[in-house]
Amino acid sequence: MTVNPSFHLRRAQAEDAPAIAEIWNAGWHDGHDGRVPEALVSARDPESFRTRAAQRVGDATVAVTSREVAGFVMVAADEVEQMYVAGHHRGSGVAGLLLDEAERQIRDAGHTQAWLAVVPGNARARRFYERHGWCDDGPFDYAAAGEHGPIPVPCRRYAKHLPPKR
């Protein structure tokens, strides 16, 4: 996987689940509070992130420093499903490394296009994806899991054409 002087990417391990949950909880609320239905915000308590991180740790790639998990990404088929970076590592380049890795995984799985969902009010995330060659492909409702069934969340679908493997 990718290595740079500060971060190393590797498949997540069970012992990474608590750090993933903490990063996911903080990052999700930073990007979504006030921008998605309140029913979804209420459903996303710290325990929900601990549960999902433990269940999904095998799907994650983590960026690590010598001391800690700095961020993670989860890919599902052709979707960059989750990607979050610890607040004190934002601006360090780790998000770009994680996104590059997600694109590689999607391409290696045989897909020629990747996609992801962004809530319209998350301007920081939208600018980041646009700087990395992603295009706003239009609005759609993302069906987020809620306590009593799916919660429709207005989102923007971002897409990126992936060149074939060399």
N, C-alpha and C. Protein backbone atom coordinates (compact mmCIF):
# COMPACT_ATOMS: atom_id res chain seq x y z
N MET A 1 0.83 -1.18 0.00
CA MET A 1 0.00 0.00 0.00
C MET A 1 0.88 1.25 0.00
N THR A 2 0.25 2.39 0.01
CA THR A 2 0.97 3.65 -0.09
C THR A 2 1.70 3.99 1.21
N VAL A 3 2.90 4.50 1.05
CA VAL A 3 3.66 4.98 2.21
C VAL A 3 4.16 6.38 1.88
N ASN A 4 4.09 7.30 2.82
CA ASN A 4 4.76 8.58 2.69
C ASN A 4 5.47 8.83 4.01
N PRO A 5 6.25 9.88 4.13
CA PRO A 5 7.05 10.05 5.35
C PRO A 5 6.24 10.09 6.63
N SER A 6 4.99 10.52 6.58
CA SER A 6 4.21 10.68 7.81
C SER A 6 3.19 9.58 8.05
N PHE A 7 2.66 8.98 7.00
CA PHE A 7 1.55 8.04 7.12
C PHE A 7 1.83 6.76 6.35
N HIS A 8 1.24 5.69 6.85
CA HIS A 8 1.30 4.39 6.18
C HIS A 8 -0.13 3.89 6.06
N LEU A 9 -0.51 3.38 4.91
CA LEU A 9 -1.84 2.82 4.72
C LEU A 9 -1.77 1.31 4.87
N ARG A 10 -2.77 0.74 5.57
CA ARG A 10 -2.86 -0.71 5.71
C ARG A 10 -4.32 -1.09 5.95
N ARG A 11 -4.61 -2.37 5.77
CA ARG A 11 -5.94 -2.87 6.09
C ARG A 11 -6.17 -2.71 7.58
N ALA A 12 -7.37 -2.32 7.96
CA ALA A 12 -7.69 -2.17 9.38
C ALA A 12 -7.73 -3.53 10.06
N GLN A 13 -7.42 -3.52 11.33
CA GLN A 13 -7.44 -4.72 12.16
C GLN A 13 -8.44 -4.49 13.29
N ALA A 14 -8.86 -5.57 13.94
CA ALA A 14 -9.89 -5.47 14.99
C ALA A 14 -9.52 -4.42 16.04
N GLU A 15 -8.25 -4.34 16.39
CA GLU A 15 -7.85 -3.38 17.43
C GLU A 15 -7.95 -1.92 16.97
N ASP A 16 -8.17 -1.70 15.67
CA ASP A 16 -8.36 -0.34 15.15
C ASP A 16 -9.80 0.16 15.32
N ALA A 17 -10.73 -0.74 15.62
CA ALA A 17 -12.15 -0.37 15.66
C ALA A 17 -12.44 0.80 16.60
N PRO A 18 -11.89 0.85 17.83
CA PRO A 18 -12.19 2.00 18.69
C PRO A 18 -11.73 3.34 18.09
N ALA A 19 -10.55 3.37 17.48
CA ALA A 19 -10.06 4.61 16.87
C ALA A 19 -10.92 4.98 15.66
N ILE A 20 -11.30 3.98 14.86
CA ILE A 20 -12.17 4.25 13.71
C ILE A 20 -13.48 4.84 14.20
N ALA A 21 -14.06 4.25 15.24
CA ALA A 21 -15.34 4.74 15.77
C ALA A 21 -15.23 6.19 16.24
N GLU A 22 -14.15 6.51 16.93
CA GLU A 22 -13.96 7.87 17.44
C GLU A 22 -13.82 8.87 16.29
N ILE A 23 -13.01 8.54 15.30
CA ILE A 23 -12.81 9.42 14.14
C ILE A 23 -14.12 9.56 13.35
N TRP A 24 -14.82 8.44 13.16
CA TRP A 24 -16.07 8.41 12.40
C TRP A 24 -17.12 9.28 13.09
N ASN A 25 -17.28 9.10 14.40
CA ASN A 25 -18.27 9.87 15.16
C ASN A 25 -17.99 11.37 15.05
N ALA A 26 -16.77 11.78 15.34
CA ALA A 26 -16.43 13.21 15.31
C ALA A 26 -16.55 13.77 13.91
N GLY A 27 -16.02 13.07 12.91
CA GLY A 27 -16.05 13.55 11.54
C GLY A 27 -17.46 13.60 10.97
N TRP A 28 -18.24 12.56 11.28
CA TRP A 28 -19.61 12.52 10.77
C TRP A 28 -20.40 13.71 11.31
N HIS A 29 -20.32 13.93 12.61
CA HIS A 29 -21.08 15.04 13.20
C HIS A 29 -20.58 16.39 12.70
N ASP A 30 -19.29 16.52 12.49
CA ASP A 30 -18.73 17.77 11.96
C ASP A 30 -19.29 18.07 10.57
N GLY A 31 -19.43 17.05 9.75
CA GLY A 31 -19.90 17.24 8.38
C GLY A 31 -21.40 17.19 8.19
N HIS A 32 -22.13 16.64 9.18
CA HIS A 32 -23.55 16.40 8.98
C HIS A 32 -24.50 17.15 9.91
N ASP A 33 -24.07 17.46 11.13
CA ASP A 33 -24.97 18.15 12.06
C ASP A 33 -25.49 19.44 11.44
N GLY A 34 -26.81 19.63 11.49
CA GLY A 34 -27.42 20.81 10.92
C GLY A 34 -27.59 20.74 9.41
N ARG A 35 -27.16 19.65 8.79
CA ARG A 35 -27.23 19.52 7.33
C ARG A 35 -28.06 18.32 6.88
N VAL A 36 -28.44 17.46 7.83
CA VAL A 36 -29.22 16.26 7.53
C VAL A 36 -30.42 16.23 8.47
N PRO A 37 -31.42 15.38 8.18
CA PRO A 37 -32.59 15.31 9.07
C PRO A 37 -32.19 15.00 10.52
N GLU A 38 -32.88 15.65 11.44
CA GLU A 38 -32.59 15.48 12.87
C GLU A 38 -32.74 14.02 13.31
N ALA A 39 -33.64 13.27 12.67
CA ALA A 39 -33.80 11.85 13.02
C ALA A 39 -32.51 11.08 12.79
N LEU A 40 -31.76 11.45 11.76
CA LEU A 40 -30.49 10.77 11.50
C LEU A 40 -29.43 11.20 12.50
N VAL A 41 -29.38 12.49 12.81
CA VAL A 41 -28.42 12.97 13.81
C VAL A 41 -28.66 12.26 15.14
N SER A 42 -29.92 12.12 15.52
CA SER A 42 -30.26 11.44 16.78
C SER A 42 -29.84 9.98 16.77
N ALA A 43 -29.95 9.33 15.61
CA ALA A 43 -29.58 7.91 15.50
C ALA A 43 -28.07 7.70 15.53
N ARG A 44 -27.31 8.73 15.25
CA ARG A 44 -25.85 8.60 15.16
C ARG A 44 -25.20 9.02 16.48
N ASP A 45 -25.44 8.23 17.51
CA ASP A 45 -24.79 8.48 18.80
C ASP A 45 -23.46 7.72 18.84
N PRO A 46 -22.61 7.99 19.82
CA PRO A 46 -21.30 7.32 19.86
C PRO A 46 -21.38 5.79 19.82
N GLU A 47 -22.38 5.22 20.48
CA GLU A 47 -22.51 3.76 20.48
C GLU A 47 -22.78 3.23 19.07
N SER A 48 -23.56 3.96 18.27
CA SER A 48 -23.83 3.50 16.90
C SER A 48 -22.54 3.44 16.09
N PHE A 49 -21.64 4.37 16.31
CA PHE A 49 -20.37 4.35 15.59
C PHE A 49 -19.47 3.23 16.10
N ARG A 50 -19.49 2.97 17.41
CA ARG A 50 -18.70 1.85 17.94
C ARG A 50 -19.19 0.53 17.36
N THR A 51 -20.51 0.36 17.30
CA THR A 51 -21.08 -0.87 16.75
C THR A 51 -20.72 -1.03 15.28
N ARG A 52 -20.93 0.02 14.50
CA ARG A 52 -20.66 -0.08 13.06
C ARG A 52 -19.18 -0.24 12.78
N ALA A 53 -18.32 0.43 13.55
CA ALA A 53 -16.88 0.27 13.34
C ALA A 53 -16.45 -1.17 13.61
N ALA A 54 -16.97 -1.76 14.67
CA ALA A 54 -16.62 -3.15 14.98
C ALA A 54 -17.12 -4.09 13.88
N GLN A 55 -18.31 -3.83 13.36
CA GLN A 55 -18.87 -4.67 12.30
C GLN A 55 -18.15 -4.49 10.97
N ARG A 56 -17.65 -3.30 10.69
CA ARG A 56 -17.11 -2.97 9.37
C ARG A 56 -15.59 -2.84 9.34
N VAL A 57 -14.91 -3.12 10.42
CA VAL A 57 -13.45 -2.92 10.46
C VAL A 57 -12.76 -3.69 9.34
N GLY A 58 -13.28 -4.84 8.95
CA GLY A 58 -12.69 -5.61 7.87
C GLY A 58 -12.82 -4.96 6.51
N ASP A 59 -13.70 -3.97 6.38
CA ASP A 59 -13.90 -3.25 5.12
C ASP A 59 -13.05 -1.99 5.03
N ALA A 60 -12.31 -1.69 6.08
CA ALA A 60 -11.63 -0.39 6.17
C ALA A 60 -10.14 -0.49 5.85
N THR A 61 -9.64 0.59 5.29
CA THR A 61 -8.21 0.84 5.17
C THR A 61 -7.92 2.02 6.08
N VAL A 62 -6.87 1.92 6.87
CA VAL A 62 -6.53 3.00 7.79
C VAL A 62 -5.21 3.66 7.39
N ALA A 63 -5.12 4.94 7.69
CA ALA A 63 -3.86 5.68 7.59
C ALA A 63 -3.34 5.78 9.01
N VAL A 64 -2.11 5.34 9.22
CA VAL A 64 -1.56 5.34 10.57
C VAL A 64 -0.25 6.11 10.60
N THR A 65 0.00 6.72 11.75
CA THR A 65 1.30 7.31 12.04
C THR A 65 2.01 6.30 12.93
N SER A 66 3.14 6.65 13.44
CA SER A 66 3.83 5.74 14.35
C SER A 66 3.05 5.54 15.64
N ARG A 67 2.11 6.43 15.93
CA ARG A 67 1.40 6.39 17.21
C ARG A 67 -0.09 6.12 17.13
N GLU A 68 -0.73 6.41 16.00
CA GLU A 68 -2.19 6.38 16.01
C GLU A 68 -2.79 6.23 14.62
N VAL A 69 -4.08 5.86 14.61
CA VAL A 69 -4.87 5.87 13.39
C VAL A 69 -5.23 7.33 13.12
N ALA A 70 -4.90 7.81 11.92
CA ALA A 70 -5.16 9.20 11.56
C ALA A 70 -6.42 9.37 10.74
N GLY A 71 -6.89 8.29 10.10
CA GLY A 71 -8.08 8.35 9.27
C GLY A 71 -8.37 6.99 8.70
N PHE A 72 -9.52 6.88 8.02
CA PHE A 72 -9.89 5.60 7.41
C PHE A 72 -10.78 5.84 6.20
N VAL A 73 -10.86 4.81 5.36
CA VAL A 73 -11.77 4.82 4.23
C VAL A 73 -12.39 3.43 4.11
N MET A 74 -13.67 3.39 3.69
CA MET A 74 -14.38 2.15 3.42
C MET A 74 -14.95 2.22 2.02
N VAL A 75 -14.72 1.17 1.24
CA VAL A 75 -15.20 1.08 -0.13
C VAL A 75 -16.22 -0.06 -0.20
N ALA A 76 -17.32 0.17 -0.91
CA ALA A 76 -18.32 -0.86 -1.16
C ALA A 76 -18.60 -0.86 -2.66
N ALA A 77 -18.10 -1.89 -3.34
CA ALA A 77 -18.23 -2.00 -4.80
C ALA A 77 -17.60 -0.76 -5.45
N ASP A 78 -18.42 0.10 -6.11
CA ASP A 78 -17.87 1.28 -6.78
C ASP A 78 -18.06 2.57 -5.98
N GLU A 79 -18.45 2.43 -4.71
CA GLU A 79 -18.72 3.60 -3.86
C GLU A 79 -17.63 3.81 -2.81
N VAL A 80 -17.17 5.04 -2.71
CA VAL A 80 -16.36 5.43 -1.55
C VAL A 80 -17.41 5.71 -0.47
N GLU A 81 -17.63 4.72 0.38
CA GLU A 81 -18.78 4.75 1.28
C GLU A 81 -18.56 5.62 2.52
N GLN A 82 -17.38 5.54 3.11
CA GLN A 82 -17.05 6.32 4.30
C GLN A 82 -15.60 6.76 4.19
N MET A 83 -15.31 8.00 4.54
CA MET A 83 -13.93 8.46 4.61
C MET A 83 -13.87 9.61 5.60
N TYR A 84 -13.07 9.41 6.65
CA TYR A 84 -12.95 10.43 7.69
C TYR A 84 -11.51 10.49 8.18
N VAL A 85 -11.10 11.69 8.56
CA VAL A 85 -9.76 11.95 9.07
C VAL A 85 -9.91 12.62 10.44
N ALA A 86 -9.07 12.22 11.38
CA ALA A 86 -9.07 12.86 12.71
C ALA A 86 -8.83 14.36 12.53
N GLY A 87 -9.53 15.15 13.32
CA GLY A 87 -9.47 16.60 13.18
C GLY A 87 -8.06 17.17 13.18
N HIS A 88 -7.20 16.66 14.04
CA HIS A 88 -5.84 17.21 14.13
C HIS A 88 -4.94 16.75 12.98
N HIS A 89 -5.45 15.87 12.10
CA HIS A 89 -4.69 15.46 10.92
C HIS A 89 -5.25 16.08 9.63
N ARG A 90 -6.31 16.87 9.74
CA ARG A 90 -6.84 17.53 8.54
C ARG A 90 -5.80 18.50 8.00
N GLY A 91 -5.68 18.53 6.69
CA GLY A 91 -4.70 19.41 6.06
C GLY A 91 -3.32 18.80 5.95
N SER A 92 -3.16 17.56 6.42
CA SER A 92 -1.85 16.91 6.42
C SER A 92 -1.56 16.12 5.15
N GLY A 93 -2.59 15.94 4.30
CA GLY A 93 -2.44 15.12 3.11
C GLY A 93 -2.98 13.71 3.26
N VAL A 94 -3.35 13.33 4.48
CA VAL A 94 -3.82 11.96 4.70
C VAL A 94 -5.12 11.68 3.95
N ALA A 95 -6.02 12.65 3.85
CA ALA A 95 -7.28 12.42 3.14
C ALA A 95 -7.02 12.12 1.66
N GLY A 96 -6.08 12.82 1.06
CA GLY A 96 -5.73 12.53 -0.33
C GLY A 96 -5.17 11.13 -0.51
N LEU A 97 -4.35 10.68 0.43
CA LEU A 97 -3.82 9.31 0.38
C LEU A 97 -4.95 8.30 0.48
N LEU A 98 -5.88 8.53 1.40
CA LEU A 98 -7.00 7.61 1.56
C LEU A 98 -7.89 7.59 0.32
N LEU A 99 -8.15 8.75 -0.26
CA LEU A 99 -8.98 8.81 -1.46
C LEU A 99 -8.30 8.11 -2.63
N ASP A 100 -7.00 8.32 -2.80
CA ASP A 100 -6.26 7.62 -3.85
C ASP A 100 -6.36 6.11 -3.67
N GLU A 101 -6.25 5.65 -2.43
CA GLU A 101 -6.35 4.21 -2.15
C GLU A 101 -7.75 3.69 -2.47
N ALA A 102 -8.78 4.45 -2.12
CA ALA A 102 -10.15 4.03 -2.43
C ALA A 102 -10.34 3.92 -3.94
N GLU A 103 -9.83 4.89 -4.68
CA GLU A 103 -9.94 4.85 -6.14
C GLU A 103 -9.21 3.63 -6.69
N ARG A 104 -8.04 3.31 -6.14
CA ARG A 104 -7.28 2.13 -6.58
C ARG A 104 -8.08 0.86 -6.33
N GLN A 105 -8.68 0.75 -5.15
CA GLN A 105 -9.46 -0.45 -4.82
C GLN A 105 -10.64 -0.61 -5.78
N ILE A 106 -11.31 0.48 -6.07
CA ILE A 106 -12.47 0.44 -6.97
C ILE A 106 -12.02 0.06 -8.38
N ARG A 107 -10.95 0.66 -8.85
CA ARG A 107 -10.42 0.34 -10.18
C ARG A 107 -9.97 -1.12 -10.23
N ASP A 108 -9.27 -1.58 -9.20
CA ASP A 108 -8.79 -2.96 -9.17
C ASP A 108 -9.94 -3.97 -9.14
N ALA A 109 -11.10 -3.54 -8.67
CA ALA A 109 -12.28 -4.41 -8.66
C ALA A 109 -12.99 -4.42 -10.02
N GLY A 110 -12.44 -3.67 -10.99
CA GLY A 110 -12.97 -3.70 -12.35
C GLY A 110 -13.93 -2.58 -12.70
N HIS A 111 -14.10 -1.62 -11.83
CA HIS A 111 -15.01 -0.50 -12.11
C HIS A 111 -14.27 0.62 -12.84
N THR A 112 -14.98 1.30 -13.73
CA THR A 112 -14.38 2.41 -14.47
C THR A 112 -14.84 3.77 -13.94
N GLN A 113 -15.78 3.74 -13.01
CA GLN A 113 -16.25 4.98 -12.39
C GLN A 113 -16.49 4.72 -10.90
N ALA A 114 -16.14 5.71 -10.09
CA ALA A 114 -16.39 5.66 -8.66
C ALA A 114 -17.39 6.75 -8.31
N TRP A 115 -18.09 6.56 -7.20
CA TRP A 115 -19.03 7.59 -6.76
C TRP A 115 -19.02 7.66 -5.24
N LEU A 116 -19.57 8.77 -4.74
CA LEU A 116 -19.73 8.96 -3.30
C LEU A 116 -20.83 9.98 -3.08
N ALA A 117 -21.35 10.01 -1.87
CA ALA A 117 -22.42 10.94 -1.50
C ALA A 117 -21.87 12.02 -0.58
N VAL A 118 -22.29 13.26 -0.82
CA VAL A 118 -21.90 14.39 0.03
C VAL A 118 -23.16 15.21 0.31
N VAL A 119 -23.36 15.60 1.57
CA VAL A 119 -24.50 16.47 1.85
C VAL A 119 -24.19 17.86 1.28
N PRO A 120 -25.21 18.51 0.70
CA PRO A 120 -24.96 19.78 0.02
C PRO A 120 -24.28 20.84 0.88
N GLY A 121 -24.58 20.90 2.17
CA GLY A 121 -24.01 21.93 3.02
C GLY A 121 -22.58 21.68 3.46
N ASN A 122 -22.01 20.55 3.11
CA ASN A 122 -20.64 20.24 3.52
C ASN A 122 -19.67 20.79 2.46
N ALA A 123 -19.51 22.10 2.47
CA ALA A 123 -18.70 22.78 1.45
C ALA A 123 -17.24 22.35 1.50
N ARG A 124 -16.69 22.11 2.68
CA ARG A 124 -15.29 21.69 2.78
C ARG A 124 -15.07 20.37 2.05
N ALA A 125 -15.95 19.39 2.27
CA ALA A 125 -15.82 18.10 1.60
C ALA A 125 -16.00 18.25 0.10
N ARG A 126 -16.96 19.04 -0.31
CA ARG A 126 -17.21 19.22 -1.74
C ARG A 126 -15.99 19.83 -2.43
N ARG A 127 -15.39 20.84 -1.81
CA ARG A 127 -14.18 21.46 -2.39
C ARG A 127 -13.05 20.43 -2.47
N PHE A 128 -12.88 19.63 -1.43
CA PHE A 128 -11.83 18.61 -1.41
C PHE A 128 -12.01 17.65 -2.59
N TYR A 129 -13.21 17.11 -2.77
CA TYR A 129 -13.43 16.15 -3.86
C TYR A 129 -13.23 16.80 -5.22
N GLU A 130 -13.69 18.02 -5.37
CA GLU A 130 -13.50 18.72 -6.65
C GLU A 130 -12.02 18.94 -6.95
N ARG A 131 -11.23 19.26 -5.93
CA ARG A 131 -9.78 19.42 -6.13
C ARG A 131 -9.12 18.11 -6.56
N HIS A 132 -9.75 17.00 -6.22
CA HIS A 132 -9.20 15.69 -6.56
C HIS A 132 -9.84 15.09 -7.81
N GLY A 133 -10.49 15.93 -8.61
CA GLY A 133 -10.99 15.49 -9.91
C GLY A 133 -12.39 14.89 -9.91
N TRP A 134 -13.10 14.98 -8.81
CA TRP A 134 -14.46 14.47 -8.74
C TRP A 134 -15.42 15.54 -9.24
N CYS A 135 -16.54 15.11 -9.87
CA CYS A 135 -17.53 16.03 -10.42
C CYS A 135 -18.88 15.82 -9.75
N ASP A 136 -19.57 16.92 -9.49
CA ASP A 136 -20.92 16.87 -8.94
C ASP A 136 -21.83 16.33 -10.03
N ASP A 137 -22.41 15.16 -9.78
CA ASP A 137 -23.24 14.46 -10.76
C ASP A 137 -24.73 14.68 -10.50
N GLY A 138 -25.06 15.54 -9.53
CA GLY A 138 -26.46 15.87 -9.31
C GLY A 138 -27.01 15.39 -7.98
N PRO A 139 -28.24 15.83 -7.69
CA PRO A 139 -28.86 15.49 -6.41
C PRO A 139 -29.46 14.09 -6.41
N PHE A 140 -29.53 13.50 -5.23
CA PHE A 140 -30.26 12.25 -5.02
C PHE A 140 -30.52 12.11 -3.53
N ASP A 141 -31.44 11.24 -3.17
CA ASP A 141 -31.71 10.95 -1.77
C ASP A 141 -30.99 9.67 -1.39
N TYR A 142 -30.12 9.77 -0.40
CA TYR A 142 -29.38 8.62 0.13
C TYR A 142 -30.22 8.01 1.23
N ALA A 143 -30.44 6.70 1.18
CA ALA A 143 -31.24 6.00 2.19
C ALA A 143 -30.32 5.58 3.34
N ALA A 144 -30.24 6.41 4.37
CA ALA A 144 -29.38 6.12 5.52
C ALA A 144 -30.15 5.26 6.52
N ALA A 145 -29.46 4.30 7.09
CA ALA A 145 -30.10 3.42 8.08
C ALA A 145 -30.46 4.21 9.32
N GLY A 146 -31.70 4.08 9.74
CA GLY A 146 -32.17 4.73 10.95
C GLY A 146 -32.76 3.71 11.90
N GLU A 147 -33.11 4.15 13.08
CA GLU A 147 -33.63 3.24 14.11
C GLU A 147 -34.91 2.53 13.65
N HIS A 148 -35.76 3.23 12.89
CA HIS A 148 -37.04 2.67 12.45
C HIS A 148 -37.11 2.51 10.94
N GLY A 149 -35.98 2.27 10.31
CA GLY A 149 -35.94 2.11 8.86
C GLY A 149 -35.13 3.21 8.20
N PRO A 150 -35.06 3.16 6.87
CA PRO A 150 -34.24 4.13 6.14
C PRO A 150 -34.72 5.57 6.33
N ILE A 151 -33.75 6.47 6.39
CA ILE A 151 -34.03 7.90 6.48
C ILE A 151 -33.49 8.53 5.20
N PRO A 152 -34.37 9.12 4.37
CA PRO A 152 -33.88 9.76 3.15
C PRO A 152 -33.09 11.03 3.47
N VAL A 153 -31.89 11.09 2.93
CA VAL A 153 -31.01 12.23 3.18
C VAL A 153 -30.69 12.89 1.84
N PRO A 154 -31.10 14.14 1.64
CA PRO A 154 -30.74 14.83 0.40
C PRO A 154 -29.21 14.95 0.30
N CYS A 155 -28.67 14.48 -0.82
CA CYS A 155 -27.22 14.49 -1.03
C CYS A 155 -26.91 14.93 -2.45
N ARG A 156 -25.64 15.14 -2.68
CA ARG A 156 -25.09 15.34 -4.02
C ARG A 156 -24.28 14.09 -4.33
N ARG A 157 -24.45 13.57 -5.54
CA ARG A 157 -23.67 12.41 -5.97
C ARG A 157 -22.44 12.94 -6.70
N TYR A 158 -21.27 12.60 -6.19
CA TYR A 158 -20.02 12.95 -6.85
C TYR A 158 -19.48 11.71 -7.55
N ALA A 159 -18.94 11.90 -8.74
CA ALA A 159 -18.43 10.77 -9.52
C ALA A 159 -17.07 11.12 -10.11
N LYS A 160 -16.32 10.06 -10.39
CA LYS A 160 -15.02 10.23 -11.03
C LYS A 160 -14.75 9.06 -11.95
N HIS A 161 -14.39 9.37 -13.18
CA HIS A 161 -13.97 8.33 -14.13
C HIS A 161 -12.60 7.84 -13.70
N LEU A 162 -12.43 6.53 -13.70
CA LEU A 162 -11.15 5.93 -13.31
C LEU A 162 -10.49 5.33 -14.54
N PRO A 163 -9.27 5.73 -14.83
CA PRO A 163 -8.58 5.14 -15.98
C PRO A 163 -8.34 3.66 -15.72
N PRO A 164 -8.25 2.86 -16.79
CA PRO A 164 -8.02 1.42 -16.60
C PRO A 164 -6.70 1.14 -15.89
N LYS A 165 -6.64 -0.03 -15.26
CA LYS A 165 -5.38 -0.45 -14.63
C LYS A 165 -4.30 -0.55 -15.69
N ARG A 166 -3.10 -0.20 -15.30
CA ARG A 166 -1.98 -0.32 -16.25
C ARG A 166 -1.26 -1.61 -16.06
